[in-house]
Amino acid sequence: MGLLESNTGHSGFEVSFKGDDLSIILPQAMLFDTNAAMLKFRLVTMIRDAVECGKVSFVEVHEPRVIPDLDDDGEGNDDDGEDLTKLSVSDLKERLKAKGLPVGGKKAELIARLQDGEEE
């Protein structure tokens, strides 16, 4: 671990052996390092000099994508959490009429108008 951390400037590596083969799980921060490919190349050489092993594998584990709550940025959801983008244009126009708002425009404009009308 010390060899990995001192030569990359990153911490949080996970190392495991399966027979003679070495598997290294890279820390998330290293995935965004522009020098990661060169670092991995150098590490293989250093590891093979320091440890007797067969194959050296680097494993990149990406964090799962988190879809932000659409209410935070004002896109898609109304105050009830309903996704307005799934409604048809005619349904959106009916809701706008019921609120006494203009019904003309593209779907995105109708959604924005509905959301603005709910904030007031």
PDB file of N, CA and C in Angstrom:
ATOM      1  N   MET A   1       0.828  -1.194   0.000  1.00  0.00           N
ATOM      2  CA  MET A   1       0.000   0.000   0.000  1.00  0.00           C
ATOM      3  C   MET A   1       0.869   1.254   0.000  1.00  0.00           C
ATOM      4  N   GLY A   2       1.880   1.251   0.807  1.00  0.00           N
ATOM      5  CA  GLY A   2       2.761   2.409   0.881  1.00  0.00           C
ATOM      6  C   GLY A   2       3.401   2.705  -0.458  1.00  0.00           C
ATOM      7  N   LEU A   3       3.770   1.664  -1.184  1.00  0.00           N
ATOM      8  CA  LEU A   3       4.369   1.824  -2.505  1.00  0.00           C
ATOM      9  C   LEU A   3       3.392   2.515  -3.456  1.00  0.00           C
ATOM     10  N   LEU A   4       2.145   2.108  -3.402  1.00  0.00           N
ATOM     11  CA  LEU A   4       1.123   2.702  -4.263  1.00  0.00           C
ATOM     12  C   LEU A   4       0.860   4.159  -3.892  1.00  0.00           C
ATOM     13  N   GLU A   5       0.694   4.399  -2.598  1.00  0.00           N
ATOM     14  CA  GLU A   5       0.377   5.749  -2.140  1.00  0.00           C
ATOM     15  C   GLU A   5       1.522   6.724  -2.382  1.00  0.00           C
ATOM     16  N   SER A   6       2.756   6.295  -2.103  1.00  0.00           N
ATOM     17  CA  SER A   6       3.891   7.204  -2.256  1.00  0.00           C
ATOM     18  C   SER A   6       4.205   7.505  -3.723  1.00  0.00           C
ATOM     19  N   ASN A   7       3.878   6.599  -4.619  1.00  0.00           N
ATOM     20  CA  ASN A   7       4.193   6.808  -6.028  1.00  0.00           C
ATOM     21  C   ASN A   7       3.067   7.451  -6.834  1.00  0.00           C
ATOM     22  N   THR A   8       1.888   7.554  -6.240  1.00  0.00           N
ATOM     23  CA  THR A   8       0.773   8.169  -6.965  1.00  0.00           C
ATOM     24  C   THR A   8       0.250   9.439  -6.312  1.00  0.00           C
ATOM     25  N   GLY A   9       0.483   9.570  -5.021  1.00  0.00           N
ATOM     26  CA  GLY A   9      -0.094  10.701  -4.294  1.00  0.00           C
ATOM     27  C   GLY A   9      -1.547  10.481  -3.938  1.00  0.00           C
ATOM     28  N   HIS A  10      -2.041   9.281  -4.146  1.00  0.00           N
ATOM     29  CA  HIS A  10      -3.431   8.948  -3.823  1.00  0.00           C
ATOM     30  C   HIS A  10      -3.456   7.905  -2.711  1.00  0.00           C
ATOM     31  N   SER A  11      -4.543   7.877  -1.961  1.00  0.00           N
ATOM     32  CA  SER A  11      -4.706   6.853  -0.922  1.00  0.00           C
ATOM     33  C   SER A  11      -6.050   6.170  -1.129  1.00  0.00           C
ATOM     34  N   GLY A  12      -6.225   5.033  -0.472  1.00  0.00           N
ATOM     35  CA  GLY A  12      -7.490   4.313  -0.573  1.00  0.00           C
ATOM     36  C   GLY A  12      -7.445   3.142  -1.535  1.00  0.00           C
ATOM     37  N   PHE A  13      -6.251   2.647  -1.837  1.00  0.00           N
ATOM     38  CA  PHE A  13      -6.116   1.476  -2.701  1.00  0.00           C
ATOM     39  C   PHE A  13      -6.561   0.229  -1.947  1.00  0.00           C
ATOM     40  N   GLU A  14      -7.109  -0.724  -2.668  1.00  0.00           N
ATOM     41  CA  GLU A  14      -7.415  -2.039  -2.109  1.00  0.00           C
ATOM     42  C   GLU A  14      -6.641  -3.056  -2.928  1.00  0.00           C
ATOM     43  N   VAL A  15      -5.879  -3.894  -2.248  1.00  0.00           N
ATOM     44  CA  VAL A  15      -4.997  -4.842  -2.924  1.00  0.00           C
ATOM     45  C   VAL A  15      -5.388  -6.250  -2.515  1.00  0.00           C
ATOM     46  N   SER A  16      -5.436  -7.153  -3.492  1.00  0.00           N
ATOM     47  CA  SER A  16      -5.719  -8.557  -3.180  1.00  0.00           C
ATOM     48  C   SER A  16      -4.942  -9.460  -4.133  1.00  0.00           C
ATOM     49  N   PHE A  17      -4.595 -10.619  -3.629  1.00  0.00           N
ATOM     50  CA  PHE A  17      -3.907 -11.628  -4.429  1.00  0.00           C
ATOM     51  C   PHE A  17      -4.853 -12.780  -4.702  1.00  0.00           C
ATOM     52  N   LYS A  18      -4.773 -13.298  -5.900  1.00  0.00           N
ATOM     53  CA  LYS A  18      -5.479 -14.533  -6.240  1.00  0.00           C
ATOM     54  C   LYS A  18      -4.413 -15.400  -6.895  1.00  0.00           C
ATOM     55  N   GLY A  19      -3.864 -16.311  -6.098  1.00  0.00           N
ATOM     56  CA  GLY A  19      -2.713 -17.070  -6.570  1.00  0.00           C
ATOM     57  C   GLY A  19      -1.529 -16.116  -6.688  1.00  0.00           C
ATOM     58  N   ASP A  20      -0.892 -16.090  -7.840  1.00  0.00           N
ATOM     59  CA  ASP A  20       0.227 -15.170  -8.078  1.00  0.00           C
ATOM     60  C   ASP A  20      -0.227 -13.833  -8.653  1.00  0.00           C
ATOM     61  N   ASP A  21      -1.488 -13.739  -9.008  1.00  0.00           N
ATOM     62  CA  ASP A  21      -1.985 -12.529  -9.656  1.00  0.00           C
ATOM     63  C   ASP A  21      -2.387 -11.483  -8.614  1.00  0.00           C
ATOM     64  N   LEU A  22      -2.054 -10.247  -8.910  1.00  0.00           N
ATOM     65  CA  LEU A  22      -2.319  -9.125  -8.016  1.00  0.00           C
ATOM     66  C   LEU A  22      -3.415  -8.259  -8.617  1.00  0.00           C
ATOM     67  N   SER A  23      -4.409  -7.921  -7.808  1.00  0.00           N
ATOM     68  CA  SER A  23      -5.505  -7.057  -8.236  1.00  0.00           C
ATOM     69  C   SER A  23      -5.500  -5.810  -7.360  1.00  0.00           C
ATOM     70  N   ILE A  24      -5.526  -4.643  -7.989  1.00  0.00           N
ATOM     71  CA  ILE A  24      -5.496  -3.376  -7.263  1.00  0.00           C
ATOM     72  C   ILE A  24      -6.734  -2.571  -7.636  1.00  0.00           C
ATOM     73  N   ILE A  25      -7.560  -2.300  -6.637  1.00  0.00           N
ATOM     74  CA  ILE A  25      -8.727  -1.444  -6.857  1.00  0.00           C
ATOM     75  C   ILE A  25      -8.273  -0.010  -6.632  1.00  0.00           C
ATOM     76  N   LEU A  26      -8.448   0.804  -7.654  1.00  0.00           N
ATOM     77  CA  LEU A  26      -7.988   2.190  -7.613  1.00  0.00           C
ATOM     78  C   LEU A  26      -8.953   3.068  -6.832  1.00  0.00           C
ATOM     79  N   PRO A  27      -8.412   4.050  -6.100  1.00  0.00           N
ATOM     80  CA  PRO A  27      -9.305   4.986  -5.407  1.00  0.00           C
ATOM     81  C   PRO A  27     -10.026   5.866  -6.424  1.00  0.00           C
ATOM     82  N   GLN A  28     -11.201   6.310  -6.073  1.00  0.00           N
ATOM     83  CA  GLN A  28     -12.038   7.108  -6.971  1.00  0.00           C
ATOM     84  C   GLN A  28     -11.296   8.339  -7.487  1.00  0.00           C
ATOM     85  N   ALA A  29     -10.519   8.998  -6.634  1.00  0.00           N
ATOM     86  CA  ALA A  29      -9.818  10.218  -7.043  1.00  0.00           C
ATOM     87  C   ALA A  29      -8.829   9.962  -8.173  1.00  0.00           C
ATOM     88  N   MET A  30      -8.257   8.785  -8.213  1.00  0.00           N
ATOM     89  CA  MET A  30      -7.266   8.494  -9.245  1.00  0.00           C
ATOM     90  C   MET A  30      -7.909   8.362 -10.622  1.00  0.00           C
ATOM     91  N   LEU A  31      -9.193   8.073 -10.669  1.00  0.00           N
ATOM     92  CA  LEU A  31      -9.883   7.933 -11.945  1.00  0.00           C
ATOM     93  C   LEU A  31      -9.931   9.248 -12.707  1.00  0.00           C
ATOM     94  N   PHE A  32      -9.773  10.355 -11.986  1.00  0.00           N
ATOM     95  CA  PHE A  32      -9.823  11.669 -12.617  1.00  0.00           C
ATOM     96  C   PHE A  32      -8.437  12.274 -12.804  1.00  0.00           C
ATOM     97  N   ASP A  33      -7.411  11.515 -12.460  1.00  0.00           N
ATOM     98  CA  ASP A  33      -6.028  11.977 -12.594  1.00  0.00           C
ATOM     99  C   ASP A  33      -5.609  11.854 -14.055  1.00  0.00           C
ATOM    100  N   THR A  34      -5.208  12.961 -14.656  1.00  0.00           N
ATOM    101  CA  THR A  34      -4.820  12.945 -16.069  1.00  0.00           C
ATOM    102  C   THR A  34      -3.558  12.129 -16.318  1.00  0.00           C
ATOM    103  N   ASN A  35      -2.795  11.871 -15.267  1.00  0.00           N
ATOM    104  CA  ASN A  35      -1.575  11.077 -15.395  1.00  0.00           C
ATOM    105  C   ASN A  35      -1.769   9.614 -14.993  1.00  0.00           C
ATOM    106  N   ALA A  36      -3.008   9.191 -14.816  1.00  0.00           N
ATOM    107  CA  ALA A  36      -3.288   7.851 -14.300  1.00  0.00           C
ATOM    108  C   ALA A  36      -2.686   6.747 -15.168  1.00  0.00           C
ATOM    109  N   ALA A  37      -2.768   6.865 -16.472  1.00  0.00           N
ATOM    110  CA  ALA A  37      -2.237   5.806 -17.349  1.00  0.00           C
ATOM    111  C   ALA A  37      -0.734   5.649 -17.148  1.00  0.00           C
ATOM    112  N   MET A  38      -0.016   6.765 -17.091  1.00  0.00           N
ATOM    113  CA  MET A  38       1.429   6.698 -16.885  1.00  0.00           C
ATOM    114  C   MET A  38       1.763   6.181 -15.491  1.00  0.00           C
ATOM    115  N   LEU A  39       0.961   6.589 -14.497  1.00  0.00           N
ATOM    116  CA  LEU A  39       1.176   6.107 -13.133  1.00  0.00           C
ATOM    117  C   LEU A  39       1.016   4.593 -13.064  1.00  0.00           C
ATOM    118  N   LYS A  40      -0.012   4.076 -13.710  1.00  0.00           N
ATOM    119  CA  LYS A  40      -0.246   2.624 -13.703  1.00  0.00           C
ATOM    120  C   LYS A  40       0.917   1.891 -14.358  1.00  0.00           C
ATOM    121  N   PHE A  41       1.401   2.412 -15.440  1.00  0.00           N
ATOM    122  CA  PHE A  41       2.536   1.794 -16.145  1.00  0.00           C
ATOM    123  C   PHE A  41       3.762   1.735 -15.229  1.00  0.00           C
ATOM    124  N   ARG A  42       4.064   2.854 -14.561  1.00  0.00           N
ATOM    125  CA  ARG A  42       5.196   2.883 -13.638  1.00  0.00           C
ATOM    126  C   ARG A  42       4.985   1.960 -12.459  1.00  0.00           C
ATOM    127  N   LEU A  43       3.752   1.918 -11.955  1.00  0.00           N
ATOM    128  CA  LEU A  43       3.454   1.061 -10.802  1.00  0.00           C
ATOM    129  C   LEU A  43       3.689  -0.404 -11.102  1.00  0.00           C
ATOM    130  N   VAL A  44       3.306  -0.852 -12.287  1.00  0.00           N
ATOM    131  CA  VAL A  44       3.512  -2.252 -12.644  1.00  0.00           C
ATOM    132  C   VAL A  44       4.994  -2.594 -12.554  1.00  0.00           C
ATOM    133  N   THR A  45       5.835  -1.728 -13.072  1.00  0.00           N
ATOM    134  CA  THR A  45       7.282  -1.960 -13.025  1.00  0.00           C
ATOM    135  C   THR A  45       7.777  -2.006 -11.580  1.00  0.00           C
ATOM    136  N   MET A  46       7.366  -1.045 -10.771  1.00  0.00           N
ATOM    137  CA  MET A  46       7.801  -1.000  -9.374  1.00  0.00           C
ATOM    138  C   MET A  46       7.281  -2.187  -8.579  1.00  0.00           C
ATOM    139  N   ILE A  47       6.035  -2.552  -8.814  1.00  0.00           N
ATOM    140  CA  ILE A  47       5.446  -3.680  -8.079  1.00  0.00           C
ATOM    141  C   ILE A  47       6.181  -4.963  -8.413  1.00  0.00           C
ATOM    142  N   ARG A  48       6.448  -5.168  -9.682  1.00  0.00           N
ATOM    143  CA  ARG A  48       7.146  -6.400 -10.087  1.00  0.00           C
ATOM    144  C   ARG A  48       8.567  -6.450  -9.539  1.00  0.00           C
ATOM    145  N   ASP A  49       9.213  -5.287  -9.356  1.00  0.00           N
ATOM    146  CA  ASP A  49      10.539  -5.246  -8.744  1.00  0.00           C
ATOM    147  C   ASP A  49      10.472  -5.538  -7.253  1.00  0.00           C
ATOM    148  N   ALA A  50       9.369  -5.107  -6.591  1.00  0.00           N
ATOM    149  CA  ALA A  50       9.251  -5.234  -5.140  1.00  0.00           C
ATOM    150  C   ALA A  50       8.585  -6.529  -4.687  1.00  0.00           C
ATOM    151  N   VAL A  51       7.682  -7.050  -5.492  1.00  0.00           N
ATOM    152  CA  VAL A  51       6.879  -8.212  -5.104  1.00  0.00           C
ATOM    153  C   VAL A  51       6.892  -9.227  -6.232  1.00  0.00           C
ATOM    154  N   GLU A  52       7.011 -10.473  -5.857  1.00  0.00           N
ATOM    155  CA  GLU A  52       6.959 -11.522  -6.869  1.00  0.00           C
ATOM    156  C   GLU A  52       5.494 -11.812  -7.171  1.00  0.00           C
ATOM    157  N   CYS A  53       5.081 -11.482  -8.382  1.00  0.00           N
ATOM    158  CA  CYS A  53       3.681 -11.700  -8.747  1.00  0.00           C
ATOM    159  C   CYS A  53       3.584 -11.975 -10.241  1.00  0.00           C
ATOM    160  N   GLY A  54       2.446 -12.506 -10.625  1.00  0.00           N
ATOM    161  CA  GLY A  54       2.180 -12.785 -12.032  1.00  0.00           C
ATOM    162  C   GLY A  54       1.564 -11.565 -12.686  1.00  0.00           C
ATOM    163  N   LYS A  55       0.293 -11.668 -12.959  1.00  0.00           N
ATOM    164  CA  LYS A  55      -0.430 -10.589 -13.633  1.00  0.00           C
ATOM    165  C   LYS A  55      -0.789  -9.497 -12.628  1.00  0.00           C
ATOM    166  N   VAL A  56      -0.659  -8.238 -13.042  1.00  0.00           N
ATOM    167  CA  VAL A  56      -1.072  -7.098 -12.230  1.00  0.00           C
ATOM    168  C   VAL A  56      -2.275  -6.470 -12.921  1.00  0.00           C
ATOM    169  N   SER A  57      -3.395  -6.420 -12.211  1.00  0.00           N
ATOM    170  CA  SER A  57      -4.629  -5.845 -12.774  1.00  0.00           C
ATOM    171  C   SER A  57      -5.058  -4.639 -11.971  1.00  0.00           C
ATOM    172  N   PHE A  58      -5.450  -3.590 -12.679  1.00  0.00           N
ATOM    173  CA  PHE A  58      -6.015  -2.414 -12.034  1.00  0.00           C
ATOM    174  C   PHE A  58      -7.516  -2.443 -12.271  1.00  0.00           C
ATOM    175  N   VAL A  59      -8.267  -2.252 -11.189  1.00  0.00           N
ATOM    176  CA  VAL A  59      -9.723  -2.289 -11.264  1.00  0.00           C
ATOM    177  C   VAL A  59     -10.253  -0.904 -10.943  1.00  0.00           C
ATOM    178  N   GLU A  60     -11.035  -0.359 -11.852  1.00  0.00           N
ATOM    179  CA  GLU A  60     -11.668   0.943 -11.633  1.00  0.00           C
ATOM    180  C   GLU A  60     -13.102   0.707 -11.195  1.00  0.00           C
ATOM    181  N   VAL A  61     -13.442   1.208 -10.027  1.00  0.00           N
ATOM    182  CA  VAL A  61     -14.804   1.086  -9.522  1.00  0.00           C
ATOM    183  C   VAL A  61     -15.409   2.478  -9.530  1.00  0.00           C
ATOM    184  N   HIS A  62     -16.416   2.650 -10.348  1.00  0.00           N
ATOM    185  CA  HIS A  62     -17.062   3.952 -10.479  1.00  0.00           C
ATOM    186  C   HIS A  62     -18.257   4.017  -9.554  1.00  0.00           C
ATOM    187  N   GLU A  63     -18.403   5.169  -8.895  1.00  0.00           N
ATOM    188  CA  GLU A  63     -19.544   5.363  -8.012  1.00  0.00           C
ATOM    189  C   GLU A  63     -20.819   5.347  -8.848  1.00  0.00           C
ATOM    190  N   PRO A  64     -21.896   4.840  -8.291  1.00  0.00           N
ATOM    191  CA  PRO A  64     -23.144   4.841  -9.055  1.00  0.00           C
ATOM    192  C   PRO A  64     -23.606   6.264  -9.317  1.00  0.00           C
ATOM    193  N   ARG A  65     -24.205   6.440 -10.480  1.00  0.00           N
ATOM    194  CA  ARG A  65     -24.748   7.754 -10.812  1.00  0.00           C
ATOM    195  C   ARG A  65     -25.942   8.040  -9.930  1.00  0.00           C
ATOM    196  N   VAL A  66     -25.993   9.248  -9.431  1.00  0.00           N
ATOM    197  CA  VAL A  66     -27.121   9.673  -8.622  1.00  0.00           C
ATOM    198  C   VAL A  66     -27.852  10.746  -9.408  1.00  0.00           C
ATOM    199  N   ILE A  67     -29.122  10.494  -9.655  1.00  0.00           N
ATOM    200  CA  ILE A  67     -29.915  11.475 -10.377  1.00  0.00           C
ATOM    201  C   ILE A  67     -30.408  12.486  -9.356  1.00  0.00           C
ATOM    202  N   PRO A  68     -30.034  13.748  -9.521  1.00  0.00           N
ATOM    203  CA  PRO A  68     -30.443  14.752  -8.534  1.00  0.00           C
ATOM    204  C   PRO A  68     -31.947  14.949  -8.539  1.00  0.00           C
ATOM    205  N   ASP A  69     -32.454  15.388  -7.409  1.00  0.00           N
ATOM    206  CA  ASP A  69     -33.874  15.703  -7.298  1.00  0.00           C
ATOM    207  C   ASP A  69     -34.164  16.845  -8.261  1.00  0.00           C
ATOM    208  N   LEU A  70     -35.031  16.615  -9.194  1.00  0.00           N
ATOM    209  CA  LEU A  70     -35.296  17.607 -10.221  1.00  0.00           C
ATOM    210  C   LEU A  70     -35.938  18.873  -9.680  1.00  0.00           C
ATOM    211  N   ASP A  71     -36.513  18.815  -8.461  1.00  0.00           N
ATOM    212  CA  ASP A  71     -37.093  20.018  -7.880  1.00  0.00           C
ATOM    213  C   ASP A  71     -36.019  21.051  -7.568  1.00  0.00           C
ATOM    214  N   ASP A  72     -34.819  20.606  -7.222  1.00  0.00           N
ATOM    215  CA  ASP A  72     -33.746  21.532  -6.841  1.00  0.00           C
ATOM    216  C   ASP A  72     -33.370  22.481  -7.962  1.00  0.00           C
ATOM    217  N   ASP A  73     -33.362  21.989  -9.203  1.00  0.00           N
ATOM    218  CA  ASP A  73     -32.955  22.873 -10.298  1.00  0.00           C
ATOM    219  C   ASP A  73     -34.156  23.344 -11.117  1.00  0.00           C
ATOM    220  N   GLY A  74     -35.354  23.021 -10.658  1.00  0.00           N
ATOM    221  CA  GLY A  74     -36.538  23.541 -11.318  1.00  0.00           C
ATOM    222  C   GLY A  74     -36.894  22.870 -12.618  1.00  0.00           C
ATOM    223  N   GLU A  75     -36.415  21.683 -12.871  1.00  0.00           N
ATOM    224  CA  GLU A  75     -36.748  21.010 -14.119  1.00  0.00           C
ATOM    225  C   GLU A  75     -37.595  19.773 -13.852  1.00  0.00           C
ATOM    226  N   GLY A  76     -38.725  19.704 -14.528  1.00  0.00           N
ATOM    227  CA  GLY A  76     -39.463  18.451 -14.580  1.00  0.00           C
ATOM    228  C   GLY A  76     -40.525  18.241 -13.538  1.00  0.00           C
ATOM    229  N   ASN A  77     -40.264  18.442 -12.268  1.00  0.00           N
ATOM    230  CA  ASN A  77     -41.239  18.085 -11.243  1.00  0.00           C
ATOM    231  C   ASN A  77     -42.023  19.291 -10.766  1.00  0.00           C
ATOM    232  N   ASP A  78     -43.283  19.038 -10.395  1.00  0.00           N
ATOM    233  CA  ASP A  78     -44.045  20.103  -9.760  1.00  0.00           C
ATOM    234  C   ASP A  78     -43.920  19.933  -8.245  1.00  0.00           C
ATOM    235  N   ASP A  79     -44.645  20.724  -7.472  1.00  0.00           N
ATOM    236  CA  ASP A  79     -44.506  20.676  -6.015  1.00  0.00           C
ATOM    237  C   ASP A  79     -44.924  19.339  -5.427  1.00  0.00           C
ATOM    238  N   ASP A  80     -45.780  18.600  -6.121  1.00  0.00           N
ATOM    239  CA  ASP A  80     -46.219  17.298  -5.630  1.00  0.00           C
ATOM    240  C   ASP A  80     -45.235  16.193  -5.986  1.00  0.00           C
ATOM    241  N   GLY A  81     -44.154  16.540  -6.659  1.00  0.00           N
ATOM    242  CA  GLY A  81     -43.182  15.537  -7.074  1.00  0.00           C
ATOM    243  C   GLY A  81     -43.550  14.877  -8.387  1.00  0.00           C
ATOM    244  N   GLU A  82     -44.622  15.338  -9.022  1.00  0.00           N
ATOM    245  CA  GLU A  82     -45.058  14.760 -10.296  1.00  0.00           C
ATOM    246  C   GLU A  82     -44.129  15.226 -11.413  1.00  0.00           C
ATOM    247  N   ASP A  83     -43.766  14.310 -12.288  1.00  0.00           N
ATOM    248  CA  ASP A  83     -42.894  14.635 -13.415  1.00  0.00           C
ATOM    249  C   ASP A  83     -43.750  15.188 -14.550  1.00  0.00           C
ATOM    250  N   LEU A  84     -43.711  16.494 -14.715  1.00  0.00           N
ATOM    251  CA  LEU A  84     -44.542  17.147 -15.722  1.00  0.00           C
ATOM    252  C   LEU A  84     -44.110  16.812 -17.138  1.00  0.00           C
ATOM    253  N   THR A  85     -42.866  16.409 -17.317  1.00  0.00           N
ATOM    254  CA  THR A  85     -42.382  16.083 -18.663  1.00  0.00           C
ATOM    255  C   THR A  85     -43.078  14.850 -19.224  1.00  0.00           C
ATOM    256  N   LYS A  86     -43.687  14.047 -18.366  1.00  0.00           N
ATOM    257  CA  LYS A  86     -44.374  12.837 -18.828  1.00  0.00           C
ATOM    258  C   LYS A  86     -45.807  13.112 -19.285  1.00  0.00           C
ATOM    259  N   LEU A  87     -46.288  14.326 -19.021  1.00  0.00           N
ATOM    260  CA  LEU A  87     -47.649  14.684 -19.432  1.00  0.00           C
ATOM    261  C   LEU A  87     -47.649  15.079 -20.903  1.00  0.00           C
ATOM    262  N   SER A  88     -48.787  14.891 -21.533  1.00  0.00           N
ATOM    263  CA  SER A  88     -48.920  15.319 -22.928  1.00  0.00           C
ATOM    264  C   SER A  88     -49.103  16.837 -22.963  1.00  0.00           C
ATOM    265  N   VAL A  89     -48.878  17.420 -24.134  1.00  0.00           N
ATOM    266  CA  VAL A  89     -49.049  18.863 -24.300  1.00  0.00           C
ATOM    267  C   VAL A  89     -50.490  19.261 -23.988  1.00  0.00           C
ATOM    268  N   SER A  90     -51.442  18.450 -24.423  1.00  0.00           N
ATOM    269  CA  SER A  90     -52.849  18.788 -24.158  1.00  0.00           C
ATOM    270  C   SER A  90     -53.154  18.762 -22.654  1.00  0.00           C
ATOM    271  N   ASP A  91     -52.565  17.822 -21.915  1.00  0.00           N
ATOM    272  CA  ASP A  91     -52.758  17.787 -20.456  1.00  0.00           C
ATOM    273  C   ASP A  91     -52.146  19.023 -19.800  1.00  0.00           C
ATOM    274  N   LEU A  92     -50.962  19.396 -20.280  1.00  0.00           N
ATOM    275  CA  LEU A  92     -50.310  20.593 -19.741  1.00  0.00           C
ATOM    276  C   LEU A  92     -51.165  21.830 -20.001  1.00  0.00           C
ATOM    277  N   LYS A  93     -51.721  21.915 -21.216  1.00  0.00           N
ATOM    278  CA  LYS A  93     -52.562  23.070 -21.571  1.00  0.00           C
ATOM    279  C   LYS A  93     -53.823  23.116 -20.707  1.00  0.00           C
ATOM    280  N   GLU A  94     -54.405  21.942 -20.413  1.00  0.00           N
ATOM    281  CA  GLU A  94     -55.588  21.897 -19.545  1.00  0.00           C
ATOM    282  C   GLU A  94     -55.266  22.444 -18.163  1.00  0.00           C
ATOM    283  N   ARG A  95     -54.112  22.055 -17.636  1.00  0.00           N
ATOM    284  CA  ARG A  95     -53.713  22.532 -16.308  1.00  0.00           C
ATOM    285  C   ARG A  95     -53.453  24.039 -16.331  1.00  0.00           C
ATOM    286  N   LEU A  96     -52.857  24.514 -17.418  1.00  0.00           N
ATOM    287  CA  LEU A  96     -52.610  25.952 -17.537  1.00  0.00           C
ATOM    288  C   LEU A  96     -53.925  26.724 -17.602  1.00  0.00           C
ATOM    289  N   LYS A  97     -54.890  26.205 -18.377  1.00  0.00           N
ATOM    290  CA  LYS A  97     -56.207  26.841 -18.483  1.00  0.00           C
ATOM    291  C   LYS A  97     -56.868  26.925 -17.116  1.00  0.00           C
ATOM    292  N   ALA A  98     -56.795  25.825 -16.374  1.00  0.00           N
ATOM    293  CA  ALA A  98     -57.418  25.773 -15.048  1.00  0.00           C
ATOM    294  C   ALA A  98     -56.817  26.809 -14.104  1.00  0.00           C
ATOM    295  N   LYS A  99     -55.575  27.176 -14.340  1.00  0.00           N
ATOM    296  CA  LYS A  99     -54.916  28.180 -13.492  1.00  0.00           C
ATOM    297  C   LYS A  99     -54.993  29.577 -14.078  1.00  0.00           C
ATOM    298  N   GLY A 100     -55.655  29.687 -15.232  1.00  0.00           N
ATOM    299  CA  GLY A 100     -55.801  30.981 -15.867  1.00  0.00           C
ATOM    300  C   GLY A 100     -54.513  31.501 -16.479  1.00  0.00           C
ATOM    301  N   LEU A 101     -53.645  30.578 -16.884  1.00  0.00           N
ATOM    302  CA  LEU A 101     -52.368  30.950 -17.488  1.00  0.00           C
ATOM    303  C   LEU A 101     -52.418  30.748 -18.996  1.00  0.00           C
ATOM    304  N   PRO A 102     -51.588  31.479 -19.765  1.00  0.00           N
ATOM    305  CA  PRO A 102     -51.550  31.304 -21.220  1.00  0.00           C
ATOM    306  C   PRO A 102     -51.187  29.863 -21.595  1.00  0.00           C
ATOM    307  N   VAL A 103     -51.758  29.361 -22.690  1.00  0.00           N
ATOM    308  CA  VAL A 103     -51.561  27.973 -23.087  1.00  0.00           C
ATOM    309  C   VAL A 103     -50.707  27.823 -24.344  1.00  0.00           C
ATOM    310  N   GLY A 104     -50.181  28.894 -24.878  1.00  0.00           N
ATOM    311  CA  GLY A 104     -49.380  28.826 -26.095  1.00  0.00           C
ATOM    312  C   GLY A 104     -47.913  28.549 -25.801  1.00  0.00           C
ATOM    313  N   GLY A 105     -47.243  27.905 -26.762  1.00  0.00           N
ATOM    314  CA  GLY A 105     -45.807  27.682 -26.642  1.00  0.00           C
ATOM    315  C   GLY A 105     -45.432  26.216 -26.727  1.00  0.00           C
ATOM    316  N   LYS A 106     -44.133  25.969 -26.682  1.00  0.00           N
ATOM    317  CA  LYS A 106     -43.618  24.604 -26.741  1.00  0.00           C
ATOM    318  C   LYS A 106     -43.778  23.924 -25.385  1.00  0.00           C
ATOM    319  N   LYS A 107     -43.626  22.612 -25.388  1.00  0.00           N
ATOM    320  CA  LYS A 107     -43.850  21.823 -24.175  1.00  0.00           C
ATOM    321  C   LYS A 107     -42.994  22.324 -23.014  1.00  0.00           C
ATOM    322  N   ALA A 108     -41.714  22.601 -23.267  1.00  0.00           N
ATOM    323  CA  ALA A 108     -40.825  23.073 -22.201  1.00  0.00           C
ATOM    324  C   ALA A 108     -41.319  24.395 -21.617  1.00  0.00           C
ATOM    325  N   GLU A 109     -41.859  25.253 -22.469  1.00  0.00           N
ATOM    326  CA  GLU A 109     -42.388  26.541 -22.008  1.00  0.00           C
ATOM    327  C   GLU A 109     -43.632  26.332 -21.153  1.00  0.00           C
ATOM    328  N   LEU A 110     -44.469  25.375 -21.562  1.00  0.00           N
ATOM    329  CA  LEU A 110     -45.680  25.083 -20.794  1.00  0.00           C
ATOM    330  C   LEU A 110     -45.318  24.567 -19.400  1.00  0.00           C
ATOM    331  N   ILE A 111     -44.340  23.675 -19.350  1.00  0.00           N
ATOM    332  CA  ILE A 111     -43.894  23.126 -18.064  1.00  0.00           C
ATOM    333  C   ILE A 111     -43.344  24.245 -17.185  1.00  0.00           C
ATOM    334  N   ALA A 112     -42.501  25.087 -17.763  1.00  0.00           N
ATOM    335  CA  ALA A 112     -41.919  26.201 -17.001  1.00  0.00           C
ATOM    336  C   ALA A 112     -43.008  27.122 -16.470  1.00  0.00           C
ATOM    337  N   ARG A 113     -44.008  27.387 -17.298  1.00  0.00           N
ATOM    338  CA  ARG A 113     -45.114  28.271 -16.900  1.00  0.00           C
ATOM    339  C   ARG A 113     -45.899  27.649 -15.749  1.00  0.00           C
ATOM    340  N   LEU A 114     -46.137  26.340 -15.839  1.00  0.00           N
ATOM    341  CA  LEU A 114     -46.844  25.658 -14.746  1.00  0.00           C
ATOM    342  C   LEU A 114     -46.040  25.730 -13.453  1.00  0.00           C
ATOM    343  N   GLN A 115     -44.759  25.502 -13.547  1.00  0.00           N
ATOM    344  CA  GLN A 115     -43.913  25.544 -12.349  1.00  0.00           C
ATOM    345  C   GLN A 115     -43.853  26.947 -11.765  1.00  0.00           C
ATOM    346  N   ASP A 116     -43.745  27.948 -12.630  1.00  0.00           N
ATOM    347  CA  ASP A 116     -43.717  29.334 -12.143  1.00  0.00           C
ATOM    348  C   ASP A 116     -45.028  29.709 -11.497  1.00  0.00           C
ATOM    349  N   GLY A 117     -46.136  29.221 -12.062  1.00  0.00           N
ATOM    350  CA  GLY A 117     -47.455  29.496 -11.518  1.00  0.00           C
ATOM    351  C   GLY A 117     -47.651  28.884 -10.148  1.00  0.00           C
ATOM    352  N   GLU A 118     -46.995  27.749  -9.884  1.00  0.00           N
ATOM    353  CA  GLU A 118     -47.127  27.076  -8.597  1.00  0.00           C
ATOM    354  C   GLU A 118     -46.303  27.757  -7.512  1.00  0.00           C
ATOM    355  N   GLU A 119     -45.225  28.448  -7.918  1.00  0.00           N
ATOM    356  CA  GLU A 119     -44.360  29.101  -6.952  1.00  0.00           C
ATOM    357  C   GLU A 119     -44.983  30.366  -6.400  1.00  0.00           C
ATOM    358  N   GLU A 120     -45.879  30.985  -7.181  1.00  0.00           N
ATOM    359  CA  GLU A 120     -46.472  32.262  -6.776  1.00  0.00           C
ATOM    360  C   GLU A 120     -47.519  32.103  -5.704  1.00  0.00           C
TER     361      GLU A 120
END
